[in-house]
Amino acid sequence: IQSLISTCKLHDITPYTYLVDVLQRISQHPASEVSDLTPRHWKTRFAENPLRALIDPRHPDRQNKQPEATVRAH
């Protein structure tokens, strides 16, 4: 993990953005193209439109949605 974080920093990639994207992408990405997920190649292929965590306000599913009211039992 430390090596990936250091490599991200060397390539001016935010490690959090990289790791969130890769951890979501890895299960669907072809094993024959695994090198695309290294920070250097990831930056050219995926950095402009990374996959986002659901907690990220920029996640597409959270755009223009109002938070749901929480129902509390007494």
PDB file of N, CA and C in Angstrom:
ATOM      1  N   ILE A   1       0.835  -1.192   0.000  1.00  0.00           N
ATOM      2  CA  ILE A   1       0.000   0.000   0.000  1.00  0.00           C
ATOM      3  C   ILE A   1       0.876   1.250   0.000  1.00  0.00           C
ATOM      4  N   GLN A   2       1.913   1.240   0.836  1.00  0.00           N
ATOM      5  CA  GLN A   2       2.794   2.416   0.900  1.00  0.00           C
ATOM      6  C   GLN A   2       3.454   2.671  -0.454  1.00  0.00           C
ATOM      7  N   SER A   3       3.822   1.616  -1.144  1.00  0.00           N
ATOM      8  CA  SER A   3       4.433   1.765  -2.465  1.00  0.00           C
ATOM      9  C   SER A   3       3.454   2.400  -3.451  1.00  0.00           C
ATOM     10  N   LEU A   4       2.196   1.965  -3.426  1.00  0.00           N
ATOM     11  CA  LEU A   4       1.183   2.550  -4.315  1.00  0.00           C
ATOM     12  C   LEU A   4       0.952   4.017  -3.985  1.00  0.00           C
ATOM     13  N   ILE A   5       0.877   4.330  -2.703  1.00  0.00           N
ATOM     14  CA  ILE A   5       0.666   5.723  -2.285  1.00  0.00           C
ATOM     15  C   ILE A   5       1.833   6.595  -2.727  1.00  0.00           C
ATOM     16  N   SER A   6       3.046   6.107  -2.536  1.00  0.00           N
ATOM     17  CA  SER A   6       4.237   6.870  -2.950  1.00  0.00           C
ATOM     18  C   SER A   6       4.270   7.055  -4.463  1.00  0.00           C
ATOM     19  N   THR A   7       3.907   6.013  -5.203  1.00  0.00           N
ATOM     20  CA  THR A   7       3.894   6.118  -6.666  1.00  0.00           C
ATOM     21  C   THR A   7       2.823   7.107  -7.121  1.00  0.00           C
ATOM     22  N   CYS A   8       1.682   7.105  -6.461  1.00  0.00           N
ATOM     23  CA  CYS A   8       0.635   8.090  -6.787  1.00  0.00           C
ATOM     24  C   CYS A   8       1.175   9.503  -6.609  1.00  0.00           C
ATOM     25  N   LYS A   9       1.823   9.727  -5.489  1.00  0.00           N
ATOM     26  CA  LYS A   9       2.364  11.067  -5.224  1.00  0.00           C
ATOM     27  C   LYS A   9       3.404  11.464  -6.266  1.00  0.00           C
ATOM     28  N   LEU A  10       4.216  10.522  -6.703  1.00  0.00           N
ATOM     29  CA  LEU A  10       5.217  10.810  -7.742  1.00  0.00           C
ATOM     30  C   LEU A  10       4.570  11.226  -9.064  1.00  0.00           C
ATOM     31  N   HIS A  11       3.369  10.699  -9.318  1.00  0.00           N
ATOM     32  CA  HIS A  11       2.660  10.994 -10.568  1.00  0.00           C
ATOM     33  C   HIS A  11       1.575  12.052 -10.394  1.00  0.00           C
ATOM     34  N   ASP A  12       1.609  12.771  -9.267  1.00  0.00           N
ATOM     35  CA  ASP A  12       0.617  13.820  -8.973  1.00  0.00           C
ATOM     36  C   ASP A  12      -0.818  13.301  -9.012  1.00  0.00           C
ATOM     37  N   ILE A  13      -1.024  12.149  -8.403  1.00  0.00           N
ATOM     38  CA  ILE A  13      -2.342  11.530  -8.287  1.00  0.00           C
ATOM     39  C   ILE A  13      -2.719  11.556  -6.812  1.00  0.00           C
ATOM     40  N   THR A  14      -3.957  11.910  -6.519  1.00  0.00           N
ATOM     41  CA  THR A  14      -4.435  11.834  -5.143  1.00  0.00           C
ATOM     42  C   THR A  14      -4.607  10.362  -4.779  1.00  0.00           C
ATOM     43  N   PRO A  15      -3.851   9.872  -3.806  1.00  0.00           N
ATOM     44  CA  PRO A  15      -3.926   8.445  -3.473  1.00  0.00           C
ATOM     45  C   PRO A  15      -5.337   7.962  -3.141  1.00  0.00           C
ATOM     46  N   TYR A  16      -6.119   8.759  -2.433  1.00  0.00           N
ATOM     47  CA  TYR A  16      -7.486   8.355  -2.089  1.00  0.00           C
ATOM     48  C   TYR A  16      -8.313   8.128  -3.349  1.00  0.00           C
ATOM     49  N   THR A  17      -8.263   9.051  -4.280  1.00  0.00           N
ATOM     50  CA  THR A  17      -9.020   8.927  -5.530  1.00  0.00           C
ATOM     51  C   THR A  17      -8.593   7.682  -6.288  1.00  0.00           C
ATOM     52  N   TYR A  18      -7.292   7.469  -6.377  1.00  0.00           N
ATOM     53  CA  TYR A  18      -6.752   6.301  -7.074  1.00  0.00           C
ATOM     54  C   TYR A  18      -7.243   5.004  -6.425  1.00  0.00           C
ATOM     55  N   LEU A  19      -7.078   4.889  -5.114  1.00  0.00           N
ATOM     56  CA  LEU A  19      -7.435   3.650  -4.424  1.00  0.00           C
ATOM     57  C   LEU A  19      -8.932   3.372  -4.482  1.00  0.00           C
ATOM     58  N   VAL A  20      -9.760   4.395  -4.325  1.00  0.00           N
ATOM     59  CA  VAL A  20     -11.213   4.201  -4.424  1.00  0.00           C
ATOM     60  C   VAL A  20     -11.571   3.692  -5.819  1.00  0.00           C
ATOM     61  N   ASP A  21     -11.002   4.287  -6.838  1.00  0.00           N
ATOM     62  CA  ASP A  21     -11.291   3.882  -8.211  1.00  0.00           C
ATOM     63  C   ASP A  21     -10.821   2.453  -8.472  1.00  0.00           C
ATOM     64  N   VAL A  22      -9.578   2.167  -8.154  1.00  0.00           N
ATOM     65  CA  VAL A  22      -9.008   0.851  -8.469  1.00  0.00           C
ATOM     66  C   VAL A  22      -9.704  -0.262  -7.694  1.00  0.00           C
ATOM     67  N   LEU A  23     -10.018  -0.039  -6.436  1.00  0.00           N
ATOM     68  CA  LEU A  23     -10.676  -1.079  -5.652  1.00  0.00           C
ATOM     69  C   LEU A  23     -12.080  -1.383  -6.175  1.00  0.00           C
ATOM     70  N   GLN A  24     -12.721  -0.425  -6.793  1.00  0.00           N
ATOM     71  CA  GLN A  24     -14.026  -0.684  -7.408  1.00  0.00           C
ATOM     72  C   GLN A  24     -13.884  -1.304  -8.799  1.00  0.00           C
ATOM     73  N   ARG A  25     -12.860  -0.924  -9.503  1.00  0.00           N
ATOM     74  CA  ARG A  25     -12.663  -1.332 -10.893  1.00  0.00           C
ATOM     75  C   ARG A  25     -12.057  -2.731 -11.020  1.00  0.00           C
ATOM     76  N   ILE A  26     -11.261  -3.148 -10.039  1.00  0.00           N
ATOM     77  CA  ILE A  26     -10.427  -4.338 -10.180  1.00  0.00           C
ATOM     78  C   ILE A  26     -11.216  -5.623 -10.419  1.00  0.00           C
ATOM     79  N   SER A  27     -12.399  -5.747  -9.863  1.00  0.00           N
ATOM     80  CA  SER A  27     -13.169  -6.985 -10.033  1.00  0.00           C
ATOM     81  C   SER A  27     -13.720  -7.154 -11.448  1.00  0.00           C
ATOM     82  N   GLN A  28     -13.828  -6.066 -12.193  1.00  0.00           N
ATOM     83  CA  GLN A  28     -14.383  -6.130 -13.542  1.00  0.00           C
ATOM     84  C   GLN A  28     -13.329  -5.950 -14.625  1.00  0.00           C
ATOM     85  N   HIS A  29     -12.131  -5.555 -14.224  1.00  0.00           N
ATOM     86  CA  HIS A  29     -11.072  -5.258 -15.190  1.00  0.00           C
ATOM     87  C   HIS A  29     -10.412  -6.557 -15.659  1.00  0.00           C
ATOM     88  N   PRO A  30     -10.160  -6.702 -16.949  1.00  0.00           N
ATOM     89  CA  PRO A  30      -9.526  -7.930 -17.450  1.00  0.00           C
ATOM     90  C   PRO A  30      -8.128  -8.128 -16.854  1.00  0.00           C
ATOM     91  N   ALA A  31      -7.849  -9.347 -16.416  1.00  0.00           N
ATOM     92  CA  ALA A  31      -6.545  -9.666 -15.826  1.00  0.00           C
ATOM     93  C   ALA A  31      -5.415  -9.426 -16.822  1.00  0.00           C
ATOM     94  N   SER A  32      -5.691  -9.601 -18.099  1.00  0.00           N
ATOM     95  CA  SER A  32      -4.654  -9.400 -19.118  1.00  0.00           C
ATOM     96  C   SER A  32      -4.254  -7.929 -19.255  1.00  0.00           C
ATOM     97  N   GLU A  33      -5.071  -7.029 -18.688  1.00  0.00           N
ATOM     98  CA  GLU A  33      -4.780  -5.597 -18.769  1.00  0.00           C
ATOM     99  C   GLU A  33      -4.539  -4.986 -17.384  1.00  0.00           C
ATOM    100  N   VAL A  34      -4.044  -5.799 -16.460  1.00  0.00           N
ATOM    101  CA  VAL A  34      -3.846  -5.348 -15.086  1.00  0.00           C
ATOM    102  C   VAL A  34      -2.864  -4.182 -14.989  1.00  0.00           C
ATOM    103  N   SER A  35      -1.950  -4.077 -15.928  1.00  0.00           N
ATOM    104  CA  SER A  35      -0.988  -2.974 -15.886  1.00  0.00           C
ATOM    105  C   SER A  35      -1.677  -1.614 -16.036  1.00  0.00           C
ATOM    106  N   ASP A  36      -2.890  -1.595 -16.611  1.00  0.00           N
ATOM    107  CA  ASP A  36      -3.653  -0.339 -16.716  1.00  0.00           C
ATOM    108  C   ASP A  36      -3.992   0.229 -15.347  1.00  0.00           C
ATOM    109  N   LEU A  37      -3.971  -0.607 -14.322  1.00  0.00           N
ATOM    110  CA  LEU A  37      -4.355  -0.176 -12.986  1.00  0.00           C
ATOM    111  C   LEU A  37      -3.171   0.292 -12.146  1.00  0.00           C
ATOM    112  N   THR A  38      -1.983   0.271 -12.707  1.00  0.00           N
ATOM    113  CA  THR A  38      -0.841   0.853 -12.001  1.00  0.00           C
ATOM    114  C   THR A  38      -0.985   2.375 -12.088  1.00  0.00           C
ATOM    115  N   PRO A  39      -0.513   3.109 -11.087  1.00  0.00           N
ATOM    116  CA  PRO A  39      -0.730   4.560 -11.088  1.00  0.00           C
ATOM    117  C   PRO A  39      -0.333   5.275 -12.378  1.00  0.00           C
ATOM    118  N   ARG A  40       0.798   4.916 -12.946  1.00  0.00           N
ATOM    119  CA  ARG A  40       1.251   5.611 -14.161  1.00  0.00           C
ATOM    120  C   ARG A  40       0.270   5.436 -15.315  1.00  0.00           C
ATOM    121  N   HIS A  41      -0.184   4.218 -15.554  1.00  0.00           N
ATOM    122  CA  HIS A  41      -1.126   3.968 -16.653  1.00  0.00           C
ATOM    123  C   HIS A  41      -2.547   4.416 -16.283  1.00  0.00           C
ATOM    124  N   TRP A  42      -2.918   4.244 -15.012  1.00  0.00           N
ATOM    125  CA  TRP A  42      -4.238   4.657 -14.550  1.00  0.00           C
ATOM    126  C   TRP A  42      -4.458   6.147 -14.807  1.00  0.00           C
ATOM    127  N   LYS A  43      -3.415   6.940 -14.592  1.00  0.00           N
ATOM    128  CA  LYS A  43      -3.530   8.388 -14.778  1.00  0.00           C
ATOM    129  C   LYS A  43      -3.942   8.737 -16.210  1.00  0.00           C
ATOM    130  N   THR A  44      -3.404   8.050 -17.183  1.00  0.00           N
ATOM    131  CA  THR A  44      -3.737   8.357 -18.583  1.00  0.00           C
ATOM    132  C   THR A  44      -5.081   7.764 -19.007  1.00  0.00           C
ATOM    133  N   ARG A  45      -5.497   6.641 -18.393  1.00  0.00           N
ATOM    134  CA  ARG A  45      -6.738   5.986 -18.812  1.00  0.00           C
ATOM    135  C   ARG A  45      -7.972   6.389 -18.021  1.00  0.00           C
ATOM    136  N   PHE A  46      -7.825   6.572 -16.697  1.00  0.00           N
ATOM    137  CA  PHE A  46      -9.011   6.710 -15.858  1.00  0.00           C
ATOM    138  C   PHE A  46      -9.068   7.971 -14.988  1.00  0.00           C
ATOM    139  N   ALA A  47      -7.984   8.696 -14.861  1.00  0.00           N
ATOM    140  CA  ALA A  47      -7.930   9.806 -13.904  1.00  0.00           C
ATOM    141  C   ALA A  47      -8.923  10.932 -14.202  1.00  0.00           C
ATOM    142  N   GLU A  48      -9.262  11.140 -15.448  1.00  0.00           N
ATOM    143  CA  GLU A  48     -10.188  12.229 -15.776  1.00  0.00           C
ATOM    144  C   GLU A  48     -11.618  11.954 -15.325  1.00  0.00           C
ATOM    145  N   ASN A  49     -11.969  10.682 -15.181  1.00  0.00           N
ATOM    146  CA  ASN A  49     -13.326  10.311 -14.772  1.00  0.00           C
ATOM    147  C   ASN A  49     -13.265   9.107 -13.829  1.00  0.00           C
ATOM    148  N   PRO A  50     -12.695   9.284 -12.632  1.00  0.00           N
ATOM    149  CA  PRO A  50     -12.544   8.142 -11.726  1.00  0.00           C
ATOM    150  C   PRO A  50     -13.879   7.709 -11.120  1.00  0.00           C
ATOM    151  N   LEU A  51     -13.944   6.438 -10.773  1.00  0.00           N
ATOM    152  CA  LEU A  51     -15.096   5.942 -10.026  1.00  0.00           C
ATOM    153  C   LEU A  51     -15.037   6.567  -8.636  1.00  0.00           C
ATOM    154  N   ARG A  52     -16.172   6.891  -8.065  1.00  0.00           N
ATOM    155  CA  ARG A  52     -16.224   7.579  -6.781  1.00  0.00           C
ATOM    156  C   ARG A  52     -16.896   6.707  -5.720  1.00  0.00           C
ATOM    157  N   ALA A  53     -16.537   6.961  -4.480  1.00  0.00           N
ATOM    158  CA  ALA A  53     -17.181   6.289  -3.351  1.00  0.00           C
ATOM    159  C   ALA A  53     -18.594   6.850  -3.189  1.00  0.00           C
ATOM    160  N   LEU A  54     -19.506   6.040  -2.690  1.00  0.00           N
ATOM    161  CA  LEU A  54     -20.877   6.503  -2.490  1.00  0.00           C
ATOM    162  C   LEU A  54     -20.952   7.664  -1.513  1.00  0.00           C
ATOM    163  N   ILE A  55     -20.000   7.787  -0.606  1.00  0.00           N
ATOM    164  CA  ILE A  55     -20.023   8.901   0.351  1.00  0.00           C
ATOM    165  C   ILE A  55     -19.518  10.203  -0.254  1.00  0.00           C
ATOM    166  N   ASP A  56     -18.925  10.129  -1.435  1.00  0.00           N
ATOM    167  CA  ASP A  56     -18.397  11.310  -2.115  1.00  0.00           C
ATOM    168  C   ASP A  56     -19.558  12.103  -2.715  1.00  0.00           C
ATOM    169  N   PRO A  57     -19.675  13.383  -2.390  1.00  0.00           N
ATOM    170  CA  PRO A  57     -20.781  14.176  -2.951  1.00  0.00           C
ATOM    171  C   PRO A  57     -20.732  14.286  -4.478  1.00  0.00           C
ATOM    172  N   ARG A  58     -19.589  13.961  -5.086  1.00  0.00           N
ATOM    173  CA  ARG A  58     -19.475  14.012  -6.553  1.00  0.00           C
ATOM    174  C   ARG A  58     -19.908  12.705  -7.208  1.00  0.00           C
ATOM    175  N   HIS A  59     -20.285  11.695  -6.405  1.00  0.00           N
ATOM    176  CA  HIS A  59     -20.734  10.411  -6.957  1.00  0.00           C
ATOM    177  C   HIS A  59     -22.001  10.667  -7.771  1.00  0.00           C
ATOM    178  N   PRO A  60     -22.110  10.086  -8.971  1.00  0.00           N
ATOM    179  CA  PRO A  60     -23.267  10.350  -9.844  1.00  0.00           C
ATOM    180  C   PRO A  60     -24.612  10.029  -9.199  1.00  0.00           C
ATOM    181  N   ASP A  61     -24.675   9.019  -8.340  1.00  0.00           N
ATOM    182  CA  ASP A  61     -25.940   8.671  -7.699  1.00  0.00           C
ATOM    183  C   ASP A  61     -26.365   9.682  -6.644  1.00  0.00           C
ATOM    184  N   ARG A  62     -25.462  10.561  -6.248  1.00  0.00           N
ATOM    185  CA  ARG A  62     -25.790  11.557  -5.222  1.00  0.00           C
ATOM    186  C   ARG A  62     -26.082  12.926  -5.815  1.00  0.00           C
ATOM    187  N   GLN A  63     -25.920  13.096  -7.095  1.00  0.00           N
ATOM    188  CA  GLN A  63     -26.137  14.389  -7.734  1.00  0.00           C
ATOM    189  C   GLN A  63     -27.608  14.782  -7.660  1.00  0.00           C
ATOM    190  N   ASN A  64     -27.852  16.010  -7.217  1.00  0.00           N
ATOM    191  CA  ASN A  64     -29.191  16.608  -7.193  1.00  0.00           C
ATOM    192  C   ASN A  64     -30.225  15.807  -6.404  1.00  0.00           C
ATOM    193  N   LYS A  65     -29.788  15.081  -5.394  1.00  0.00           N
ATOM    194  CA  LYS A  65     -30.737  14.350  -4.564  1.00  0.00           C
ATOM    195  C   LYS A  65     -30.746  14.960  -3.170  1.00  0.00           C
ATOM    196  N   GLN A  66     -31.926  15.067  -2.627  1.00  0.00           N
ATOM    197  CA  GLN A  66     -32.075  15.558  -1.266  1.00  0.00           C
ATOM    198  C   GLN A  66     -31.862  14.392  -0.313  1.00  0.00           C
ATOM    199  N   PRO A  67     -31.237  14.640   0.835  1.00  0.00           N
ATOM    200  CA  PRO A  67     -31.083  13.550   1.801  1.00  0.00           C
ATOM    201  C   PRO A  67     -32.439  13.070   2.299  1.00  0.00           C
ATOM    202  N   GLU A  68     -32.549  11.750   2.451  1.00  0.00           N
ATOM    203  CA  GLU A  68     -33.808  11.181   2.921  1.00  0.00           C
ATOM    204  C   GLU A  68     -33.969  11.414   4.409  1.00  0.00           C
ATOM    205  N   ALA A  69     -35.187  11.652   4.818  1.00  0.00           N
ATOM    206  CA  ALA A  69     -35.464  11.864   6.237  1.00  0.00           C
ATOM    207  C   ALA A  69     -35.294  10.545   6.978  1.00  0.00           C
ATOM    208  N   THR A  70     -34.698  10.623   8.134  1.00  0.00           N
ATOM    209  CA  THR A  70     -34.477   9.438   8.945  1.00  0.00           C
ATOM    210  C   THR A  70     -35.666   9.238   9.885  1.00  0.00           C
ATOM    211  N   VAL A  71     -36.203   8.059   9.871  1.00  0.00           N
ATOM    212  CA  VAL A  71     -37.327   7.737  10.761  1.00  0.00           C
ATOM    213  C   VAL A  71     -36.738   7.133  12.017  1.00  0.00           C
ATOM    214  N   ARG A  72     -37.089   7.698  13.153  1.00  0.00           N
ATOM    215  CA  ARG A  72     -36.565   7.202  14.415  1.00  0.00           C
ATOM    216  C   ARG A  72     -37.685   6.592  15.245  1.00  0.00           C
ATOM    217  N   ALA A  73     -37.430   5.419  15.774  1.00  0.00           N
ATOM    218  CA  ALA A  73     -38.407   4.763  16.659  1.00  0.00           C
ATOM    219  C   ALA A  73     -38.204   5.294  18.071  1.00  0.00           C
ATOM    220  N   HIS A  74     -39.297   5.445  18.795  1.00  0.00           N
ATOM    221  CA  HIS A  74     -39.200   5.940  20.174  1.00  0.00           C
ATOM    222  C   HIS A  74     -39.348   4.817  21.133  1.00  0.00           C
TER     223      HIS A  74
END
